[in-house]
Every structure is written in structure tokens, then in C-alpha cells.
Amino acid sequence: MAKLLAVCIGKAEHIEGYRPLTGINKRPVARPVAIDLQGIAEDAVLDRKHHGGNDQAIYVYFQGDYDWWAQDGVANTPGLFGENLVIDGPVSAETAIGDRYQIGDCLLEVAYHRTPCMTFAAKMGDKFWVKRFHRANRPGAYCRVLQPGTVEAGMDVSVTPYAGERVTVSELMAFDTTKNIPLDFLRRAVMTPIREQTRFKYETRLADLF
């Protein structure tokens, strides 16, 4: 049984030296929080092109990955990476598209991985952060909400591994900057409940090959 260590919420803020407003500055809250089909209603999601929506409603990061970052000199602080939930148990390398997390009444399903951006780099105060995060290949997981509910830090998390083709979020991230993704990987990925934007892109590539 995994454990929900933190629930984090952000508001629209400026990062010092970075002009756009962002909701990446998320902080843990010590109270129950409602999650609906679009995520946490009170959480600020400003860049709707790259964040939020049905397939990226909740961003989960894993304590095991944070522990690895701590050895690399990065603070082990809930919400540091802009995540909504911190879960102790799984890690990115073992987390596959379609894995499910039951937290009380709330049911989440892994749909994609987190891709680092310049806002993330500004938050971390490191102009090389995007490359550093990619090299680490510990992206955490974006989840869709299959069943709304109320969650609170300290709750148990029941993890149900996806029973079909297992494509991990770390595998996906490894192909972020690759133009020629192997055909076998494209076929594997479209057999999973991957986010629709990526499914369309992969299915289009497969169709163009035949």
C-alpha cells in the first residue's frame, strides 16, 4: 500500500526574473481537497496549452524520485516541482501508462509524463534545469481523473498496475527529443490509454508509414 504524503495547491504568481504569471509555485495544504474531472478547482493552471485538461488533470510526483534528487543536491520539498500530489511507493521508472491510484473515493489513471519547460527552469533558478531533468529521467506522472473525490495527506493509496502493454513514463520521456521514434515503441504506446494528443501523433506517424 502506497501513501499520499502531500497535497499541493498553487495560485497565480510571478517568479522573480520571469515575466509570465504561473501556477507552478505549489505548496502543501493540511486539509481535505476536492478533486474533480479537471483536477483541483482551486489550483491555478495558467498555461492551458501544455498543462491541465482531462488527460493532465493531476500531476503526481513520487517520494522515491525526490529522494534520488536529494542525493543530487535538490531540496526534498513537497510541491517543489509543481506537482499536486506526492506519493510514497511507486517511482517513475516503474510507473506505466494506465496504472491507477485509488485514494479514498478518488480514482486516477496515469496518462502521460511531465515534460520540463522554461517556467520549470525559472522556478528552479537553473538555466540548465530542462536538460538536467531530462537526463535524470524521473518525470513523475500526469493523471486523468476517472472518479472525483476528496483527498488529504496521510491517506492510503491503492496502486493497480495496468494489465496491458506496459509503457513507463520514463520510457516515454526518453523519446521526448527523438524525431525517429522506433516503430515498435509507437505500436506499444498506442495500445495503452495514453493521452489523446500523443495518441493522435503516434497513430498519424504509423499511418504515414504504410
C-alpha atoms as a PDB file:
ATOM      1  CA  MET A   1       0.000   0.000   0.000  1.00  0.00           C
ATOM      2  CA  ALA A   2       1.396   3.387  -1.031  1.00  0.00           C
ATOM      3  CA  LYS A   3       0.841   6.599   0.922  1.00  0.00           C
ATOM      4  CA  LEU A   4      -0.265  10.106  -0.047  1.00  0.00           C
ATOM      5  CA  LEU A   5       2.349  12.319   1.601  1.00  0.00           C
ATOM      6  CA  ALA A   6       1.236  15.754   0.394  1.00  0.00           C
ATOM      7  CA  VAL A   7      -1.491  17.607  -1.485  1.00  0.00           C
ATOM      8  CA  CYS A   8      -0.175  20.811  -3.078  1.00  0.00           C
ATOM      9  CA  ILE A   9      -2.005  23.825  -4.495  1.00  0.00           C
ATOM     10  CA  GLY A  10      -0.722  26.891  -6.338  1.00  0.00           C
ATOM     11  CA  LYS A  11      -2.008  30.362  -7.097  1.00  0.00           C
ATOM     12  CA  ALA A  12      -1.163  32.735  -9.927  1.00  0.00           C
ATOM     13  CA  GLU A  13       2.204  34.283  -9.094  1.00  0.00           C
ATOM     14  CA  HIS A  14       5.298  35.761 -10.682  1.00  0.00           C
ATOM     15  CA  ILE A  15       8.664  34.041 -10.377  1.00  0.00           C
ATOM     16  CA  GLU A  16      11.447  36.523  -9.729  1.00  0.00           C
ATOM     17  CA  GLY A  17      13.070  37.441 -13.034  1.00  0.00           C
ATOM     18  CA  TYR A  18      10.379  35.658 -15.075  1.00  0.00           C
ATOM     19  CA  ARG A  19       7.590  37.737 -16.585  1.00  0.00           C
ATOM     20  CA  PRO A  20       4.644  35.359 -17.197  1.00  0.00           C
ATOM     21  CA  LEU A  21       2.228  34.546 -14.399  1.00  0.00           C
ATOM     22  CA  THR A  22       2.396  30.909 -13.395  1.00  0.00           C
ATOM     23  CA  GLY A  23       0.788  28.444 -11.026  1.00  0.00           C
ATOM     24  CA  ILE A  24       3.915  26.315 -10.647  1.00  0.00           C
ATOM     25  CA  ASN A  25       4.584  27.541  -7.091  1.00  0.00           C
ATOM     26  CA  LYS A  26       2.582  24.863  -5.312  1.00  0.00           C
ATOM     27  CA  ARG A  27       2.515  24.453  -1.546  1.00  0.00           C
ATOM     28  CA  PRO A  28       1.217  21.624   0.636  1.00  0.00           C
ATOM     29  CA  VAL A  29      -2.069  22.123   2.462  1.00  0.00           C
ATOM     30  CA  ALA A  30      -3.132  20.384   5.678  1.00  0.00           C
ATOM     31  CA  ARG A  31      -6.815  19.837   4.917  1.00  0.00           C
ATOM     32  CA  PRO A  32      -9.103  17.793   2.671  1.00  0.00           C
ATOM     33  CA  VAL A  33      -9.035  18.850  -1.004  1.00  0.00           C
ATOM     34  CA  ALA A  34     -11.674  18.057  -3.624  1.00  0.00           C
ATOM     35  CA  ILE A  35     -10.552  16.665  -6.981  1.00  0.00           C
ATOM     36  CA  ASP A  36     -12.973  16.797  -9.914  1.00  0.00           C
ATOM     37  CA  LEU A  37     -12.593  15.679 -13.532  1.00  0.00           C
ATOM     38  CA  GLN A  38     -10.469  18.743 -14.326  1.00  0.00           C
ATOM     39  CA  GLY A  39      -8.256  18.403 -11.268  1.00  0.00           C
ATOM     40  CA  ILE A  40      -8.202  20.628  -8.187  1.00  0.00           C
ATOM     41  CA  ALA A  41     -10.569  23.512  -8.817  1.00  0.00           C
ATOM     42  CA  GLU A  42      -8.720  25.940  -6.521  1.00  0.00           C
ATOM     43  CA  ASP A  43      -5.337  25.168  -8.101  1.00  0.00           C
ATOM     44  CA  ALA A  44      -4.035  27.718 -10.624  1.00  0.00           C
ATOM     45  CA  VAL A  45      -3.322  26.300 -14.096  1.00  0.00           C
ATOM     46  CA  LEU A  46      -2.469  29.200 -16.412  1.00  0.00           C
ATOM     47  CA  ASP A  47      -0.720  27.616 -19.403  1.00  0.00           C
ATOM     48  CA  ARG A  48      -3.628  25.548 -20.669  1.00  0.00           C
ATOM     49  CA  LYS A  49      -1.797  24.678 -23.880  1.00  0.00           C
ATOM     50  CA  HIS A  50       0.700  22.499 -22.010  1.00  0.00           C
ATOM     51  CA  HIS A  51      -0.954  21.811 -18.649  1.00  0.00           C
ATOM     52  CA  GLY A  52      -4.359  20.813 -17.368  1.00  0.00           C
ATOM     53  CA  GLY A  53      -7.231  19.294 -19.320  1.00  0.00           C
ATOM     54  CA  ASN A  54      -8.755  15.857 -18.972  1.00  0.00           C
ATOM     55  CA  ASP A  55      -5.539  13.934 -19.639  1.00  0.00           C
ATOM     56  CA  GLN A  56      -3.323  16.128 -17.446  1.00  0.00           C
ATOM     57  CA  ALA A  57      -5.704  16.963 -14.629  1.00  0.00           C
ATOM     58  CA  ILE A  58      -3.387  15.959 -11.777  1.00  0.00           C
ATOM     59  CA  TYR A  59       0.402  15.919 -11.677  1.00  0.00           C
ATOM     60  CA  VAL A  60       1.848  13.270  -9.359  1.00  0.00           C
ATOM     61  CA  TYR A  61       5.443  13.120  -8.199  1.00  0.00           C
ATOM     62  CA  PHE A  62       6.986  10.257  -6.283  1.00  0.00           C
ATOM     63  CA  GLN A  63       8.864  10.416  -2.995  1.00  0.00           C
ATOM     64  CA  GLY A  64      11.338   7.810  -4.217  1.00  0.00           C
ATOM     65  CA  ASP A  65      12.311  10.121  -7.089  1.00  0.00           C
ATOM     66  CA  TYR A  66      12.557  13.077  -4.702  1.00  0.00           C
ATOM     67  CA  ASP A  67      14.900  11.003  -2.544  1.00  0.00           C
ATOM     68  CA  TRP A  68      17.130  10.498  -5.590  1.00  0.00           C
ATOM     69  CA  TRP A  69      17.136  14.244  -6.297  1.00  0.00           C
ATOM     70  CA  ALA A  70      18.074  14.944  -2.668  1.00  0.00           C
ATOM     71  CA  GLN A  71      21.303  12.988  -3.214  1.00  0.00           C
ATOM     72  CA  ASP A  72      21.951  15.304  -6.166  1.00  0.00           C
ATOM     73  CA  GLY A  73      21.589  18.415  -4.018  1.00  0.00           C
ATOM     74  CA  VAL A  74      17.932  19.274  -4.775  1.00  0.00           C
ATOM     75  CA  ALA A  75      15.708  20.136  -1.806  1.00  0.00           C
ATOM     76  CA  ASN A  76      13.195  17.460  -0.840  1.00  0.00           C
ATOM     77  CA  THR A  77      10.201  19.798  -0.567  1.00  0.00           C
ATOM     78  CA  PRO A  78       6.613  18.836  -1.476  1.00  0.00           C
ATOM     79  CA  GLY A  79       5.374  20.966  -4.374  1.00  0.00           C
ATOM     80  CA  LEU A  80       8.883  21.962  -5.493  1.00  0.00           C
ATOM     81  CA  PHE A  81       8.356  20.505  -8.969  1.00  0.00           C
ATOM     82  CA  GLY A  82       4.850  21.949  -9.306  1.00  0.00           C
ATOM     83  CA  GLU A  83       3.113  18.666  -8.509  1.00  0.00           C
ATOM     84  CA  ASN A  84      -0.351  18.331  -6.997  1.00  0.00           C
ATOM     85  CA  LEU A  85       0.261  15.070  -5.146  1.00  0.00           C
ATOM     86  CA  VAL A  86       3.338  13.442  -3.629  1.00  0.00           C
ATOM     87  CA  ILE A  87       3.010   9.659  -3.332  1.00  0.00           C
ATOM     88  CA  ASP A  88       5.379   7.326  -1.494  1.00  0.00           C
ATOM     89  CA  GLY A  89       5.597   3.875  -3.042  1.00  0.00           C
ATOM     90  CA  PRO A  90       5.933   3.932  -6.837  1.00  0.00           C
ATOM     91  CA  VAL A  91       8.736   5.639  -8.784  1.00  0.00           C
ATOM     92  CA  SER A  92       8.810   6.947 -12.355  1.00  0.00           C
ATOM     93  CA  ALA A  93      10.825   4.055 -13.784  1.00  0.00           C
ATOM     94  CA  GLU A  94       8.147   1.578 -12.650  1.00  0.00           C
ATOM     95  CA  THR A  95       5.079   3.705 -13.440  1.00  0.00           C
ATOM     96  CA  ALA A  96       3.271   2.850 -16.669  1.00  0.00           C
ATOM     97  CA  ILE A  97       0.549   4.486 -18.699  1.00  0.00           C
ATOM     98  CA  GLY A  98      -2.740   3.074 -17.431  1.00  0.00           C
ATOM     99  CA  ASP A  99      -1.611   2.471 -13.838  1.00  0.00           C
ATOM    100  CA  ARG A 100      -4.318   3.555 -11.415  1.00  0.00           C
ATOM    101  CA  TYR A 101      -4.264   5.178  -7.980  1.00  0.00           C
ATOM    102  CA  GLN A 102      -7.257   4.828  -5.698  1.00  0.00           C
ATOM    103  CA  ILE A 103      -7.208   7.442  -2.920  1.00  0.00           C
ATOM    104  CA  GLY A 104     -10.413   7.246  -0.929  1.00  0.00           C
ATOM    105  CA  ASP A 105     -13.216   7.823  -3.448  1.00  0.00           C
ATOM    106  CA  CYS A 106     -10.851   9.413  -5.967  1.00  0.00           C
ATOM    107  CA  LEU A 107      -9.536   7.260  -8.823  1.00  0.00           C
ATOM    108  CA  LEU A 108      -6.660   8.488 -11.012  1.00  0.00           C
ATOM    109  CA  GLU A 109      -5.150   6.924 -14.133  1.00  0.00           C
ATOM    110  CA  VAL A 110      -1.660   7.654 -15.475  1.00  0.00           C
ATOM    111  CA  ALA A 111      -1.900   9.211 -18.951  1.00  0.00           C
ATOM    112  CA  TYR A 112       1.491  10.812 -19.676  1.00  0.00           C
ATOM    113  CA  HIS A 113       4.768  12.075 -18.265  1.00  0.00           C
ATOM    114  CA  ARG A 114       5.818  15.592 -17.302  1.00  0.00           C
ATOM    115  CA  THR A 115       7.966  17.455 -19.838  1.00  0.00           C
ATOM    116  CA  PRO A 116      10.184  20.192 -18.359  1.00  0.00           C
ATOM    117  CA  CYS A 117       9.835  23.740 -19.675  1.00  0.00           C
ATOM    118  CA  MET A 118      11.388  27.177 -19.208  1.00  0.00           C
ATOM    119  CA  THR A 119       8.883  28.027 -16.477  1.00  0.00           C
ATOM    120  CA  PHE A 120      10.133  24.999 -14.557  1.00  0.00           C
ATOM    121  CA  ALA A 121      13.727  26.126 -15.109  1.00  0.00           C
ATOM    122  CA  ALA A 122      12.864  29.618 -13.847  1.00  0.00           C
ATOM    123  CA  LYS A 123      11.222  28.124 -10.771  1.00  0.00           C
ATOM    124  CA  MET A 124      14.352  26.086 -10.037  1.00  0.00           C
ATOM    125  CA  GLY A 125      16.660  29.045 -10.724  1.00  0.00           C
ATOM    126  CA  ASP A 126      18.748  26.912 -13.081  1.00  0.00           C
ATOM    127  CA  LYS A 127      19.058  27.738 -16.799  1.00  0.00           C
ATOM    128  CA  PHE A 128      20.259  24.165 -17.389  1.00  0.00           C
ATOM    129  CA  TRP A 129      17.366  22.604 -15.498  1.00  0.00           C
ATOM    130  CA  VAL A 130      15.463  21.351 -18.569  1.00  0.00           C
ATOM    131  CA  LYS A 131      18.454  19.266 -19.689  1.00  0.00           C
ATOM    132  CA  ARG A 132      19.166  18.188 -16.129  1.00  0.00           C
ATOM    133  CA  PHE A 133      15.588  16.994 -15.594  1.00  0.00           C
ATOM    134  CA  HIS A 134      15.660  15.121 -18.908  1.00  0.00           C
ATOM    135  CA  ARG A 135      18.921  13.402 -18.019  1.00  0.00           C
ATOM    136  CA  ALA A 136      17.522  12.267 -14.684  1.00  0.00           C
ATOM    137  CA  ASN A 137      14.532  10.684 -16.485  1.00  0.00           C
ATOM    138  CA  ARG A 138      12.363  10.848 -13.368  1.00  0.00           C
ATOM    139  CA  PRO A 139       9.416  12.820 -14.760  1.00  0.00           C
ATOM    140  CA  GLY A 140       6.545  11.897 -12.470  1.00  0.00           C
ATOM    141  CA  ALA A 141       3.128  11.265 -13.991  1.00  0.00           C
ATOM    142  CA  TYR A 142       0.199  13.241 -15.342  1.00  0.00           C
ATOM    143  CA  CYS A 143      -3.112  11.594 -14.490  1.00  0.00           C
ATOM    144  CA  ARG A 144      -6.696  11.803 -15.679  1.00  0.00           C
ATOM    145  CA  VAL A 145      -9.459  11.651 -13.068  1.00  0.00           C
ATOM    146  CA  LEU A 146     -11.703   8.631 -13.568  1.00  0.00           C
ATOM    147  CA  GLN A 147     -13.678   9.238 -10.389  1.00  0.00           C
ATOM    148  CA  PRO A 148     -13.765  12.515  -8.452  1.00  0.00           C
ATOM    149  CA  GLY A 149     -13.253  12.519  -4.711  1.00  0.00           C
ATOM    150  CA  THR A 150     -11.702  14.249  -1.742  1.00  0.00           C
ATOM    151  CA  VAL A 151      -8.111  13.557  -0.726  1.00  0.00           C
ATOM    152  CA  GLU A 152      -5.890  14.552   2.179  1.00  0.00           C
ATOM    153  CA  ALA A 153      -2.265  13.973   3.096  1.00  0.00           C
ATOM    154  CA  GLY A 154      -1.828  10.755   5.060  1.00  0.00           C
ATOM    155  CA  MET A 155      -4.381   8.719   3.116  1.00  0.00           C
ATOM    156  CA  ASP A 156      -3.546   5.265   1.773  1.00  0.00           C
ATOM    157  CA  VAL A 157      -3.061   4.895  -1.984  1.00  0.00           C
ATOM    158  CA  SER A 158      -4.000   1.624  -3.640  1.00  0.00           C
ATOM    159  CA  VAL A 159      -1.928   1.112  -6.799  1.00  0.00           C
ATOM    160  CA  THR A 160      -3.360  -1.063  -9.601  1.00  0.00           C
ATOM    161  CA  PRO A 161      -0.788  -1.725 -12.363  1.00  0.00           C
ATOM    162  CA  TYR A 162      -2.065  -1.556 -15.939  1.00  0.00           C
ATOM    163  CA  ALA A 163      -2.694  -5.118 -17.099  1.00  0.00           C
ATOM    164  CA  GLY A 164      -1.972  -4.476 -20.792  1.00  0.00           C
ATOM    165  CA  GLU A 165       1.132  -3.296 -22.624  1.00  0.00           C
ATOM    166  CA  ARG A 166       3.362  -1.556 -20.104  1.00  0.00           C
ATOM    167  CA  VAL A 167       4.980   1.659 -21.313  1.00  0.00           C
ATOM    168  CA  THR A 168       6.577   3.575 -18.463  1.00  0.00           C
ATOM    169  CA  VAL A 169       6.633   7.335 -18.120  1.00  0.00           C
ATOM    170  CA  SER A 170      10.430   7.125 -18.077  1.00  0.00           C
ATOM    171  CA  GLU A 171      10.412   5.309 -21.438  1.00  0.00           C
ATOM    172  CA  LEU A 172       8.180   7.996 -22.891  1.00  0.00           C
ATOM    173  CA  MET A 173      10.341  10.810 -21.603  1.00  0.00           C
ATOM    174  CA  ALA A 174      13.425   9.225 -23.178  1.00  0.00           C
ATOM    175  CA  PHE A 175      11.866   9.849 -26.606  1.00  0.00           C
ATOM    176  CA  ASP A 176      10.958  13.499 -25.948  1.00  0.00           C
ATOM    177  CA  THR A 177      13.734  14.859 -28.134  1.00  0.00           C
ATOM    178  CA  THR A 178      13.825  11.992 -30.640  1.00  0.00           C
ATOM    179  CA  LYS A 179      12.396  12.572 -34.115  1.00  0.00           C
ATOM    180  CA  ASN A 180      12.557   8.970 -35.284  1.00  0.00           C
ATOM    181  CA  ILE A 181      10.805   7.024 -32.556  1.00  0.00           C
ATOM    182  CA  PRO A 182      11.113   3.265 -33.137  1.00  0.00           C
ATOM    183  CA  LEU A 183       8.117   1.722 -34.860  1.00  0.00           C
ATOM    184  CA  ASP A 184       7.780  -0.958 -32.203  1.00  0.00           C
ATOM    185  CA  PHE A 185       7.548   1.670 -29.473  1.00  0.00           C
ATOM    186  CA  LEU A 186       4.847   3.607 -31.359  1.00  0.00           C
ATOM    187  CA  ARG A 187       2.811   0.414 -31.667  1.00  0.00           C
ATOM    188  CA  ARG A 188       3.233  -0.389 -27.987  1.00  0.00           C
ATOM    189  CA  ALA A 189       2.275   3.125 -26.893  1.00  0.00           C
ATOM    190  CA  VAL A 190      -0.986   3.281 -28.853  1.00  0.00           C
ATOM    191  CA  MET A 191      -2.090   0.070 -27.144  1.00  0.00           C
ATOM    192  CA  THR A 192      -2.192   1.953 -23.829  1.00  0.00           C
ATOM    193  CA  PRO A 193      -4.608   4.627 -22.519  1.00  0.00           C
ATOM    194  CA  ILE A 194      -2.058   7.328 -23.343  1.00  0.00           C
ATOM    195  CA  ARG A 195      -3.219  10.959 -23.545  1.00  0.00           C
ATOM    196  CA  GLU A 196      -5.218  11.701 -26.705  1.00  0.00           C
ATOM    197  CA  GLN A 197      -2.806  14.335 -28.049  1.00  0.00           C
ATOM    198  CA  THR A 198       0.043  11.832 -28.096  1.00  0.00           C
ATOM    199  CA  ARG A 199      -2.161   9.006 -29.363  1.00  0.00           C
ATOM    200  CA  PHE A 200      -3.138  11.123 -32.378  1.00  0.00           C
ATOM    201  CA  LYS A 201       0.508  11.999 -33.091  1.00  0.00           C
ATOM    202  CA  TYR A 202       1.676   8.393 -32.834  1.00  0.00           C
ATOM    203  CA  GLU A 203      -1.221   6.979 -34.870  1.00  0.00           C
ATOM    204  CA  THR A 204      -0.571   9.586 -37.569  1.00  0.00           C
ATOM    205  CA  ARG A 205       3.088   8.557 -37.748  1.00  0.00           C
ATOM    206  CA  LEU A 206       2.139   4.902 -38.022  1.00  0.00           C
ATOM    207  CA  ALA A 207      -0.389   5.640 -40.763  1.00  0.00           C
ATOM    208  CA  ASP A 208       2.190   7.601 -42.745  1.00  0.00           C
ATOM    209  CA  LEU A 209       4.496   4.583 -42.766  1.00  0.00           C
ATOM    210  CA  PHE A 210       2.006   2.334 -44.547  1.00  0.00           C
END
